Amino acid sequence: MPIETTPVLSGPRTAGPAPEADLVAVPFGPGPTLPAVPWAELPVPADALLAQYEAKGEPGEVVEATAPREGGLRRVLLYGVGDGSPGALRKAGAAVARRARRRASLSVVVPAVEGATAPLVEGALLASYSFTIGDGRAGKPVREIVFVGGDERELRRGEALARATALARDLVNTPASVKTPAWLADRAVEVAAGAGLDVRVWAGPELDEFGGIRAVGQGSVNPPRLVRLSYTPENPRAHVVLAGKGITFDSGGLSLKPTEGMKTMKTDMAGGAAVIAAMSALADFEVPVRVTGLVACAENSISGSAQRPGDVIRQYGGRTVEVLNTDAEGRLVLADALAYADAELDPDVVIDVATLTGAAKIALGPAIAALYSTDEELAAGLAGAGEATGERLWRMPLIDDYRAMLDSDVADLANVDRAMSGSAGSILAALFLREFAGGRPWAHLDIAGPARAGSDEGEITKGGTGFGVRLLLRYLTG
């Protein structure tokens, strides 16, 4: 569920948290020395304690000690901050927050590093995220974190990033038994109301022109939707369209996935979740560009009405596609969104986000997303935003020689390699999408690897990660 931990800013380090605080965290690392904090006075010299544990001050490293306090004892966490970079501070914040599970309050001294507050808050709050259904939650996160000596504006920035990411995680982690296309569209409408966005939802006959969305959703008892969210600041300097894949469950359709492949498919709308969540925070960050978010929502299911391999569909704008594999459905719904953006919205930049191919995960592993782009400046901006936020991208090639592999004998193009060779799957998916971007500056983020995690690590929690939200906000704010 949403992050329940509340961040609070205290005064200068020497003032410290209230004397009754029984859990405090103090930074150390290769650079800055331990700050003087009377309320965290240790019974032995800190240097000796760290030497005893062979602590190096690496980010995420925590050494625990017990210190006297009036009327009893308190726990002191000496936490490593590494080189003091944003990535190191996010990891440090996550480490101390996890050590404070089941506690009412934790007081954290902010390191004497410029810009430390936001990433420290971000890491601590994201590590405090949890999602369970029912009352039995082991390791409930700390209720309140008091940051001592930080910056109020940075604290609010870190909190806003964390809460937007948590929104995406909530959407991704919700079971598909609840998360129908209509449910996802309704959540987008709620977000729009809270964030001051304009919103439109297409449903039923309104989707007649969107052949890809209709075809993917026609086998399900839960009809598809298309959502448009709109943010317009005063005097916007550009117009960016974000398009997200919103497949609320992906069985593979008649090209059925194996059981193991289906277990995580409630998360196949992670791209759409990232778009909704990023849109929710645009006003908070005073983003200076106009942004339109499109989320193509459908459930790829099996029934007598499901699309078949060999069917030919007509995408928005008239291009025909031969569907050779119904499990390559994300590109079909995104193609409609991209074609609509090109024809109706006149954007300066188009970015799509999707858990599109297992091939991207095989190539780059679970921590890095694939980046494809037709524009060098756009690619560099997104890659830089990824490095700054820890949501890393790796630029992949758009190999024009491979485009012929998508030729069809009966339609304008096929949705997969007509020879079904199984090679270059991520590249071919990107080449397919490029056909619908209208020659505009366009980027495709294949987040199939980092959109979900099998365990907690740093600020990442098991399940949906909310990958892409912080990256997009950094790029749009830039």
Protein backbone atom coordinates (compact mmCIF):
# COMPACT_ATOMS: atom_id res chain seq x y z
CA MET A 1 0.00 0.00 0.00
CA PRO A 2 1.15 3.64 -0.16
CA ILE A 3 4.17 4.57 1.93
CA GLU A 4 2.97 4.97 5.53
CA THR A 5 6.25 6.34 6.90
CA THR A 6 6.24 10.10 7.54
CA PRO A 7 9.45 12.13 7.04
CA VAL A 8 10.01 15.02 9.47
CA LEU A 9 12.77 17.64 9.53
CA SER A 10 14.47 18.51 12.80
CA GLY A 11 16.83 21.37 13.62
CA PRO A 12 20.63 21.53 13.48
CA ARG A 13 22.64 18.42 14.27
CA THR A 14 23.72 19.73 17.66
CA ALA A 15 20.07 20.19 18.61
CA GLY A 16 19.31 16.65 17.60
CA PRO A 17 16.15 14.66 18.09
CA ALA A 18 14.13 14.59 21.25
CA PRO A 19 15.98 13.09 24.21
CA GLU A 20 13.50 10.21 24.37
CA ALA A 21 14.48 8.93 20.90
CA ASP A 22 15.63 5.34 21.34
CA LEU A 23 16.94 4.73 17.81
CA VAL A 24 19.27 7.19 16.10
CA ALA A 25 21.46 6.93 13.01
CA VAL A 26 24.73 8.80 12.49
CA PRO A 27 26.67 8.88 9.18
CA PHE A 28 30.28 7.88 8.63
CA GLY A 29 32.37 7.28 5.57
CA PRO A 30 35.74 7.67 3.88
CA GLY A 31 35.17 11.42 3.70
CA PRO A 32 33.27 13.29 6.44
CA THR A 33 34.02 12.29 10.02
CA LEU A 34 31.35 11.41 12.54
CA PRO A 35 29.46 14.57 13.55
CA ALA A 36 29.34 15.56 17.19
CA VAL A 37 25.95 14.53 18.54
CA PRO A 38 25.73 14.60 22.33
CA TRP A 39 22.55 12.51 22.38
CA ALA A 40 24.36 9.69 20.50
CA GLU A 41 27.44 9.59 22.69
CA LEU A 42 28.94 6.12 22.60
CA PRO A 43 30.46 4.27 25.55
CA VAL A 44 33.62 3.68 23.47
CA PRO A 45 35.33 5.89 20.85
CA ALA A 46 33.55 5.64 17.50
CA ASP A 47 36.83 5.04 15.63
CA ALA A 48 37.59 2.07 17.83
CA LEU A 49 34.10 0.67 17.35
CA LEU A 50 34.30 0.97 13.57
CA ALA A 51 37.77 -0.59 13.55
CA GLN A 52 36.49 -3.50 15.62
CA TYR A 53 33.85 -4.23 12.97
CA GLU A 54 36.28 -3.48 10.10
CA ALA A 55 33.74 -0.98 8.84
CA LYS A 56 34.75 0.87 5.68
CA GLY A 57 31.90 3.35 5.41
CA GLU A 58 30.44 1.80 2.28
CA PRO A 59 26.87 2.77 1.40
CA GLY A 60 24.40 0.41 3.01
CA GLU A 61 26.86 -0.61 5.74
CA VAL A 62 25.43 -0.28 9.27
CA VAL A 63 27.22 -0.79 12.59
CA GLU A 64 24.97 -0.92 15.63
CA ALA A 65 25.95 0.13 19.15
CA THR A 66 24.21 0.82 22.44
CA ALA A 67 24.54 4.21 24.16
CA PRO A 68 23.32 5.43 27.54
CA ARG A 69 20.33 7.71 27.77
CA GLU A 70 18.41 9.21 30.63
CA GLY A 71 16.47 6.40 32.21
CA GLY A 72 17.92 3.64 30.05
CA LEU A 73 19.70 2.88 26.80
CA ARG A 74 19.31 3.76 23.12
CA ARG A 75 20.45 2.07 19.93
CA VAL A 76 22.83 4.02 17.69
CA LEU A 77 23.23 3.05 14.04
CA LEU A 78 26.47 4.21 12.42
CA TYR A 79 25.65 4.14 8.72
CA GLY A 80 28.08 4.33 5.82
CA VAL A 81 27.60 6.94 3.12
CA GLY A 82 30.38 5.92 0.74
CA ASP A 83 31.39 8.74 -1.55
CA GLY A 84 28.32 10.80 -0.67
CA SER A 85 26.88 10.50 -4.19
CA PRO A 86 23.09 10.41 -4.64
CA GLY A 87 23.20 6.68 -5.35
CA ALA A 88 25.23 6.02 -2.22
CA LEU A 89 22.89 8.15 -0.11
CA ARG A 90 19.78 6.39 -1.44
CA LYS A 91 21.35 3.06 -0.48
CA ALA A 92 22.32 4.42 2.94
CA GLY A 93 18.82 5.74 3.61
CA ALA A 94 17.34 2.41 2.63
CA ALA A 95 19.67 0.51 4.97
CA VAL A 96 18.83 2.51 8.07
CA ALA A 97 15.09 2.46 7.34
CA ARG A 98 15.12 -1.33 7.09
CA ARG A 99 16.98 -1.60 10.38
CA ALA A 100 14.17 0.44 11.98
CA ARG A 101 11.29 -1.85 11.01
CA ARG A 102 8.57 -2.21 13.65
CA ARG A 103 9.77 1.00 15.36
CA ALA A 104 7.62 4.04 16.01
CA SER A 105 10.38 6.53 15.14
CA LEU A 106 13.93 6.77 13.80
CA SER A 107 16.15 9.86 13.94
CA VAL A 108 18.72 10.17 11.14
CA VAL A 109 21.53 12.73 11.09
CA VAL A 110 21.92 14.01 7.52
CA PRO A 111 25.55 13.87 6.28
CA ALA A 112 27.44 17.12 5.77
CA VAL A 113 27.30 16.66 1.99
CA GLU A 114 25.68 19.15 -0.36
CA GLY A 115 22.36 17.88 -1.67
CA ALA A 116 22.30 14.91 0.71
CA THR A 117 18.77 15.29 2.07
CA ALA A 118 16.69 14.42 -1.02
CA PRO A 119 18.38 11.11 -1.94
CA LEU A 120 18.60 10.07 1.72
CA VAL A 121 14.86 10.67 2.18
CA GLU A 122 14.08 9.01 -1.14
CA GLY A 123 16.00 5.85 -0.24
CA ALA A 124 14.57 5.64 3.26
CA LEU A 125 10.96 6.05 2.15
CA LEU A 126 11.22 3.68 -0.80
CA ALA A 127 12.77 1.00 1.42
CA SER A 128 9.82 1.55 3.80
CA TYR A 129 7.33 0.66 1.07
CA SER A 130 5.33 -2.53 1.46
CA PHE A 131 2.35 -4.10 -0.28
CA THR A 132 0.28 -6.84 1.32
CA ILE A 133 -3.36 -7.82 1.26
CA GLY A 134 -4.66 -8.67 4.72
CA ASP A 135 -3.58 -7.80 8.23
CA GLY A 136 -0.61 -10.11 8.76
CA ARG A 137 2.41 -8.01 7.83
CA ALA A 138 5.78 -9.08 9.18
CA GLY A 139 8.37 -6.36 9.56
CA LYS A 140 6.04 -3.38 9.39
CA PRO A 141 8.02 -0.27 8.37
CA VAL A 142 9.02 2.47 10.78
CA ARG A 143 6.19 4.97 11.23
CA GLU A 144 8.23 8.18 11.33
CA ILE A 145 11.74 9.22 10.30
CA VAL A 146 13.13 12.45 11.72
CA PHE A 147 15.92 13.87 9.53
CA VAL A 148 18.24 15.99 11.63
CA GLY A 149 20.03 18.95 10.03
CA GLY A 150 18.71 18.54 6.50
CA ASP A 151 17.06 20.93 4.04
CA GLU A 152 13.26 21.29 4.02
CA ARG A 153 12.94 21.82 0.26
CA GLU A 154 15.10 18.81 -0.48
CA LEU A 155 13.17 16.71 2.01
CA ARG A 156 9.93 17.50 0.21
CA ARG A 157 11.54 16.73 -3.15
CA GLY A 158 12.76 13.35 -1.96
CA GLU A 159 9.36 12.61 -0.46
CA ALA A 160 7.56 13.55 -3.68
CA LEU A 161 9.80 11.26 -5.74
CA ALA A 162 9.30 8.39 -3.32
CA ARG A 163 5.53 8.78 -3.15
CA ALA A 164 5.18 8.96 -6.93
CA THR A 165 7.27 5.80 -7.26
CA ALA A 166 5.18 4.13 -4.56
CA LEU A 167 2.03 4.95 -6.53
CA ALA A 168 3.45 3.09 -9.52
CA ARG A 169 4.40 0.17 -7.27
CA ASP A 170 0.86 0.02 -5.88
CA LEU A 171 -0.62 -0.09 -9.36
CA VAL A 172 1.82 -2.77 -10.49
CA ASN A 173 1.42 -4.95 -7.39
CA THR A 174 -2.38 -4.97 -7.41
CA PRO A 175 -3.65 -8.44 -8.44
CA ALA A 176 -5.16 -8.79 -11.89
CA SER A 177 -8.39 -10.07 -10.30
CA VAL A 178 -8.87 -6.46 -9.22
CA LYS A 179 -6.81 -4.65 -11.81
CA THR A 180 -8.96 -4.76 -14.93
CA PRO A 181 -8.48 -2.19 -17.71
CA ALA A 182 -11.47 -0.29 -16.33
CA TRP A 183 -9.95 -0.31 -12.81
CA LEU A 184 -6.64 1.04 -14.11
CA ALA A 185 -8.44 3.76 -16.06
CA ASP A 186 -10.43 4.69 -12.94
CA ARG A 187 -7.20 5.00 -10.94
CA ALA A 188 -5.83 7.32 -13.61
CA VAL A 189 -8.97 9.46 -13.33
CA GLU A 190 -8.46 9.67 -9.55
CA VAL A 191 -4.82 10.69 -10.03
CA ALA A 192 -5.87 13.36 -12.51
CA ALA A 193 -8.36 14.81 -10.02
CA GLY A 194 -5.71 14.99 -7.30
CA ALA A 195 -2.95 16.38 -9.52
CA GLY A 196 -4.95 18.95 -11.48
CA LEU A 197 -4.69 17.09 -14.80
CA ASP A 198 -7.19 16.96 -17.63
CA VAL A 199 -8.29 13.42 -18.43
CA ARG A 200 -10.18 11.52 -21.09
CA VAL A 201 -10.96 7.80 -21.24
CA TRP A 202 -11.99 5.97 -24.42
CA ALA A 203 -14.15 2.86 -24.03
CA GLY A 204 -16.51 0.70 -26.09
CA PRO A 205 -17.32 2.04 -29.59
CA GLU A 206 -15.06 5.05 -28.93
CA LEU A 207 -12.15 2.64 -29.48
CA ASP A 208 -13.26 1.59 -32.95
CA GLU A 209 -10.32 3.35 -34.62
CA PHE A 210 -7.82 1.81 -32.20
CA GLY A 211 -7.54 -1.60 -33.82
CA GLY A 212 -4.54 -2.78 -31.82
CA ILE A 213 -6.11 -2.06 -28.42
CA ARG A 214 -9.38 -3.64 -29.49
CA ALA A 215 -7.74 -6.76 -30.92
CA VAL A 216 -5.64 -7.43 -27.83
CA GLY A 217 -8.62 -6.92 -25.51
CA GLN A 218 -11.28 -8.73 -27.50
CA GLY A 219 -10.66 -12.12 -25.86
CA SER A 220 -11.34 -10.82 -22.34
CA VAL A 221 -14.55 -10.27 -20.43
CA ASN A 222 -12.89 -7.06 -19.19
CA PRO A 223 -13.02 -4.56 -22.09
CA PRO A 224 -10.05 -2.34 -22.98
CA ARG A 225 -9.58 1.36 -22.36
CA LEU A 226 -7.37 4.18 -23.59
CA VAL A 227 -6.48 6.91 -21.11
CA ARG A 228 -5.17 10.39 -21.90
CA LEU A 229 -3.80 12.58 -19.11
CA SER A 230 -2.85 16.19 -19.89
CA TYR A 231 -0.63 18.63 -18.02
CA THR A 232 -0.19 22.18 -19.35
CA PRO A 233 1.93 24.72 -17.43
CA GLU A 234 2.08 28.41 -18.27
CA ASN A 235 4.19 29.10 -21.37
CA PRO A 236 5.34 25.52 -21.95
CA ARG A 237 8.61 25.33 -23.84
CA ALA A 238 7.84 22.01 -25.55
CA HIS A 239 5.28 19.20 -25.72
CA VAL A 240 6.26 15.68 -24.64
CA VAL A 241 4.05 12.63 -25.03
CA LEU A 242 4.55 9.67 -22.69
CA ALA A 243 2.93 6.43 -23.85
CA GLY A 244 2.68 3.47 -21.48
CA LYS A 245 1.80 -0.16 -22.03
CA GLY A 246 -1.15 -1.01 -19.78
CA ILE A 247 -1.64 -4.77 -20.16
CA THR A 248 -3.33 -5.59 -16.86
CA PHE A 249 -2.70 -9.31 -17.31
CA ASP A 250 -0.91 -11.11 -20.11
CA SER A 251 -1.70 -14.77 -20.63
CA GLY A 252 -0.03 -14.61 -24.03
CA GLY A 253 -3.43 -15.06 -25.67
CA LEU A 254 -3.71 -18.10 -27.94
CA SER A 255 0.10 -18.02 -28.17
CA LEU A 256 -0.09 -19.13 -24.55
CA LYS A 257 2.72 -18.42 -22.09
CA PRO A 258 4.05 -21.27 -19.93
CA THR A 259 2.92 -21.26 -16.29
CA GLU A 260 6.18 -19.81 -14.99
CA GLY A 261 6.01 -17.00 -17.50
CA MET A 262 2.51 -16.05 -16.39
CA LYS A 263 3.18 -15.75 -12.65
CA THR A 264 4.39 -12.14 -12.85
CA MET A 265 2.07 -10.98 -15.61
CA LYS A 266 -0.06 -8.81 -13.34
CA THR A 267 2.95 -6.50 -13.65
CA ASP A 268 2.77 -6.21 -17.44
CA MET A 269 1.25 -2.74 -17.11
CA ALA A 270 4.35 -1.33 -15.36
CA GLY A 271 5.00 1.08 -18.24
CA GLY A 272 1.50 2.49 -17.94
CA ALA A 273 1.91 2.72 -14.16
CA ALA A 274 5.13 4.69 -14.62
CA VAL A 275 3.36 7.14 -16.91
CA ILE A 276 0.41 7.64 -14.53
CA ALA A 277 2.72 8.09 -11.53
CA ALA A 278 5.05 10.50 -13.31
CA MET A 279 2.06 12.56 -14.43
CA SER A 280 0.85 12.69 -10.81
CA ALA A 281 3.98 14.63 -9.74
CA LEU A 282 4.48 17.07 -12.63
CA ALA A 283 2.95 20.01 -10.78
CA ASP A 284 4.98 19.22 -7.63
CA PHE A 285 8.18 19.58 -9.65
CA GLU A 286 6.92 22.55 -11.68
CA VAL A 287 7.77 20.77 -14.91
CA PRO A 288 8.14 23.48 -17.58
CA VAL A 289 6.90 21.45 -20.56
CA ARG A 290 3.46 20.36 -21.62
CA VAL A 291 3.08 16.63 -21.05
CA THR A 292 0.43 14.26 -22.37
CA GLY A 293 0.30 10.75 -20.95
CA LEU A 294 -1.33 7.94 -22.91
CA VAL A 295 -1.99 4.56 -21.30
CA ALA A 296 -3.29 1.78 -23.53
CA CYS A 297 -5.13 -0.63 -21.21
CA ALA A 298 -6.17 -4.15 -22.15
CA GLU A 299 -6.20 -7.68 -20.77
CA ASN A 300 -4.64 -10.27 -23.08
CA SER A 301 -6.81 -13.28 -22.40
CA ILE A 302 -8.15 -16.45 -23.99
CA SER A 303 -11.67 -17.16 -25.18
CA GLY A 304 -13.57 -17.96 -28.34
CA SER A 305 -13.40 -14.29 -29.28
CA ALA A 306 -9.63 -13.90 -28.79
CA GLN A 307 -7.51 -12.78 -31.74
CA ARG A 308 -5.73 -15.58 -33.59
CA PRO A 309 -2.27 -15.93 -35.08
CA GLY A 310 -2.69 -14.93 -38.70
CA ASP A 311 -5.33 -12.28 -38.06
CA VAL A 312 -4.81 -8.89 -39.72
CA ILE A 313 -5.71 -5.81 -37.72
CA ARG A 314 -5.90 -2.14 -38.65
CA GLN A 315 -4.04 0.15 -36.27
CA TYR A 316 -5.00 3.76 -35.58
CA GLY A 317 -4.27 5.73 -38.75
CA GLY A 318 -4.82 2.80 -41.12
CA ARG A 319 -1.62 0.72 -41.07
CA THR A 320 -2.38 -3.01 -41.24
CA VAL A 321 -0.55 -5.58 -39.13
CA GLU A 322 -0.47 -9.35 -39.46
CA VAL A 323 -0.50 -10.85 -35.96
CA LEU A 324 1.83 -13.84 -36.06
CA ASN A 325 2.17 -14.12 -32.28
CA THR A 326 -0.57 -12.99 -29.91
CA ASP A 327 1.98 -12.82 -27.08
CA ALA A 328 3.61 -9.86 -28.84
CA GLU A 329 0.62 -7.75 -27.82
CA GLY A 330 2.24 -4.79 -26.07
CA ARG A 331 3.54 -3.38 -29.33
CA LEU A 332 0.03 -3.54 -30.81
CA VAL A 333 -1.55 -1.37 -28.11
CA LEU A 334 1.43 1.01 -28.07
CA ALA A 335 1.30 1.34 -31.86
CA ASP A 336 -2.21 2.78 -31.53
CA ALA A 337 -1.07 5.22 -28.86
CA LEU A 338 1.95 6.35 -30.88
CA ALA A 339 -0.04 6.75 -34.09
CA TYR A 340 -2.70 8.76 -32.25
CA ALA A 341 -0.03 11.00 -30.70
CA ASP A 342 1.52 11.65 -34.10
CA ALA A 343 -1.77 12.35 -35.84
CA GLU A 344 -3.60 14.33 -33.16
CA LEU A 345 -1.21 15.76 -30.56
CA ASP A 346 1.69 17.22 -32.59
CA PRO A 347 4.33 16.49 -29.91
CA ASP A 348 7.94 17.63 -30.03
CA VAL A 349 9.11 14.41 -28.35
CA VAL A 350 7.51 10.99 -27.90
CA ILE A 351 8.66 8.48 -25.27
CA ASP A 352 7.08 5.08 -24.76
CA VAL A 353 7.63 2.88 -21.72
CA ALA A 354 6.84 -0.83 -21.65
CA THR A 355 7.66 -4.24 -20.24
CA LEU A 356 7.91 -5.27 -23.85
CA THR A 357 10.29 -8.18 -24.39
CA GLY A 358 12.00 -10.91 -22.44
CA ALA A 359 14.85 -10.41 -24.89
CA ALA A 360 15.71 -7.07 -23.24
CA LYS A 361 15.99 -8.74 -19.86
CA ILE A 362 18.16 -11.51 -21.28
CA ALA A 363 20.47 -8.93 -22.87
CA LEU A 364 20.75 -6.48 -19.95
CA GLY A 365 19.68 -8.39 -16.85
CA PRO A 366 17.25 -7.30 -14.15
CA ALA A 367 18.72 -3.89 -13.28
CA ILE A 368 19.05 -2.03 -16.60
CA ALA A 369 16.41 -1.05 -19.16
CA ALA A 370 16.96 -0.96 -22.91
CA LEU A 371 16.87 2.46 -24.58
CA TYR A 372 16.15 2.88 -28.27
CA SER A 373 15.91 6.29 -29.88
CA THR A 374 15.86 8.09 -33.20
CA ASP A 375 17.26 11.28 -31.67
CA GLU A 376 20.71 11.75 -30.13
CA GLU A 377 19.76 14.63 -27.83
CA LEU A 378 16.72 12.76 -26.52
CA ALA A 379 18.75 9.60 -25.96
CA ALA A 380 21.47 11.50 -24.10
CA GLY A 381 18.91 13.31 -21.93
CA LEU A 382 17.18 10.10 -20.92
CA ALA A 383 20.44 8.26 -20.29
CA GLY A 384 21.68 11.12 -18.12
CA ALA A 385 18.43 11.15 -16.16
CA GLY A 386 18.79 7.42 -15.64
CA GLU A 387 22.30 7.78 -14.25
CA ALA A 388 21.22 10.60 -11.91
CA THR A 389 18.27 8.68 -10.49
CA GLY A 390 19.79 5.21 -10.41
CA GLU A 391 17.30 3.97 -13.02
CA ARG A 392 19.91 3.04 -15.55
CA LEU A 393 19.43 2.73 -19.30
CA TRP A 394 21.63 1.18 -21.95
CA ARG A 395 21.43 2.48 -25.53
CA MET A 396 20.59 -0.28 -28.00
CA PRO A 397 20.86 -0.15 -31.79
CA LEU A 398 18.01 0.35 -34.23
CA ILE A 399 19.39 -1.79 -37.06
CA ASP A 400 17.66 -0.81 -40.27
CA ASP A 401 18.78 -4.01 -42.00
CA TYR A 402 16.52 -5.93 -39.64
CA ARG A 403 13.39 -4.02 -40.65
CA ALA A 404 12.73 -6.43 -43.53
CA MET A 405 12.20 -9.20 -40.99
CA LEU A 406 8.88 -7.51 -40.14
CA ASP A 407 7.58 -7.58 -43.72
CA SER A 408 4.28 -9.41 -44.20
CA ASP A 409 2.86 -11.10 -47.30
CA VAL A 410 -0.66 -9.90 -46.55
CA ALA A 411 -0.35 -6.69 -44.50
CA ASP A 412 1.79 -3.60 -44.19
CA LEU A 413 3.94 -5.38 -41.60
CA ALA A 414 3.98 -8.29 -39.16
CA ASN A 415 4.11 -7.92 -35.39
CA VAL A 416 7.11 -10.29 -35.07
CA ASP A 417 9.86 -11.72 -37.26
CA ARG A 418 7.98 -13.53 -39.99
CA ALA A 419 10.60 -16.31 -39.98
CA MET A 420 9.99 -16.78 -36.22
CA SER A 421 13.73 -17.08 -35.69
CA GLY A 422 13.57 -15.81 -32.12
CA SER A 423 16.61 -13.56 -32.62
CA ALA A 424 16.91 -9.80 -32.00
CA GLY A 425 13.50 -9.75 -30.31
CA SER A 426 13.94 -6.47 -28.47
CA ILE A 427 15.36 -4.68 -31.52
CA LEU A 428 12.55 -5.90 -33.75
CA ALA A 429 9.95 -4.74 -31.22
CA ALA A 430 11.55 -1.28 -31.22
CA LEU A 431 11.66 -1.21 -35.02
CA PHE A 432 7.97 -2.10 -35.09
CA LEU A 433 7.10 0.79 -32.77
CA ARG A 434 9.25 3.20 -34.75
CA GLU A 435 6.90 2.66 -37.70
CA PHE A 436 4.16 4.47 -35.77
CA ALA A 437 6.11 7.39 -34.30
CA GLY A 438 5.73 9.51 -37.43
CA GLY A 439 9.39 10.41 -37.80
CA ARG A 440 9.31 12.54 -34.64
CA PRO A 441 12.07 12.47 -32.02
CA TRP A 442 11.15 9.21 -30.30
CA ALA A 443 12.51 6.94 -27.60
CA HIS A 444 11.45 3.51 -26.46
CA LEU A 445 12.25 2.22 -22.97
CA ASP A 446 11.97 -1.56 -22.67
CA ILE A 447 11.78 -2.01 -18.90
CA ALA A 448 11.03 -5.75 -18.83
CA GLY A 449 14.03 -6.40 -16.56
CA PRO A 450 13.98 -3.66 -13.90
CA ALA A 451 10.19 -3.23 -13.66
CA ARG A 452 9.96 -6.09 -11.16
CA ALA A 453 12.31 -7.43 -8.49
CA GLY A 454 12.60 -10.78 -6.77
CA SER A 455 14.01 -9.41 -3.52
CA ASP A 456 14.70 -6.24 -1.56
CA GLU A 457 17.91 -4.44 -2.48
CA GLY A 458 18.76 -0.82 -1.70
CA GLU A 459 15.67 1.30 -2.30
CA ILE A 460 14.12 -1.47 -4.40
CA THR A 461 11.48 -3.67 -2.78
CA LYS A 462 10.32 -7.09 -3.91
CA GLY A 463 7.58 -6.92 -6.54
CA GLY A 464 6.88 -3.93 -8.73
CA THR A 465 9.73 -1.41 -8.54
CA GLY A 466 8.12 1.68 -10.07
CA PHE A 467 11.04 1.85 -12.50
CA GLY A 468 10.89 4.84 -14.83
CA VAL A 469 8.99 7.28 -12.63
CA ARG A 470 12.03 9.05 -11.18
CA LEU A 471 13.86 8.89 -14.51
CA LEU A 472 10.98 10.52 -16.40
CA LEU A 473 10.53 13.23 -13.78
CA ARG A 474 14.24 14.04 -13.88
CA TYR A 475 14.20 14.23 -17.68
CA LEU A 476 11.07 16.38 -17.83
CA THR A 477 12.28 18.73 -15.09
CA GLY A 478 15.71 19.08 -16.68
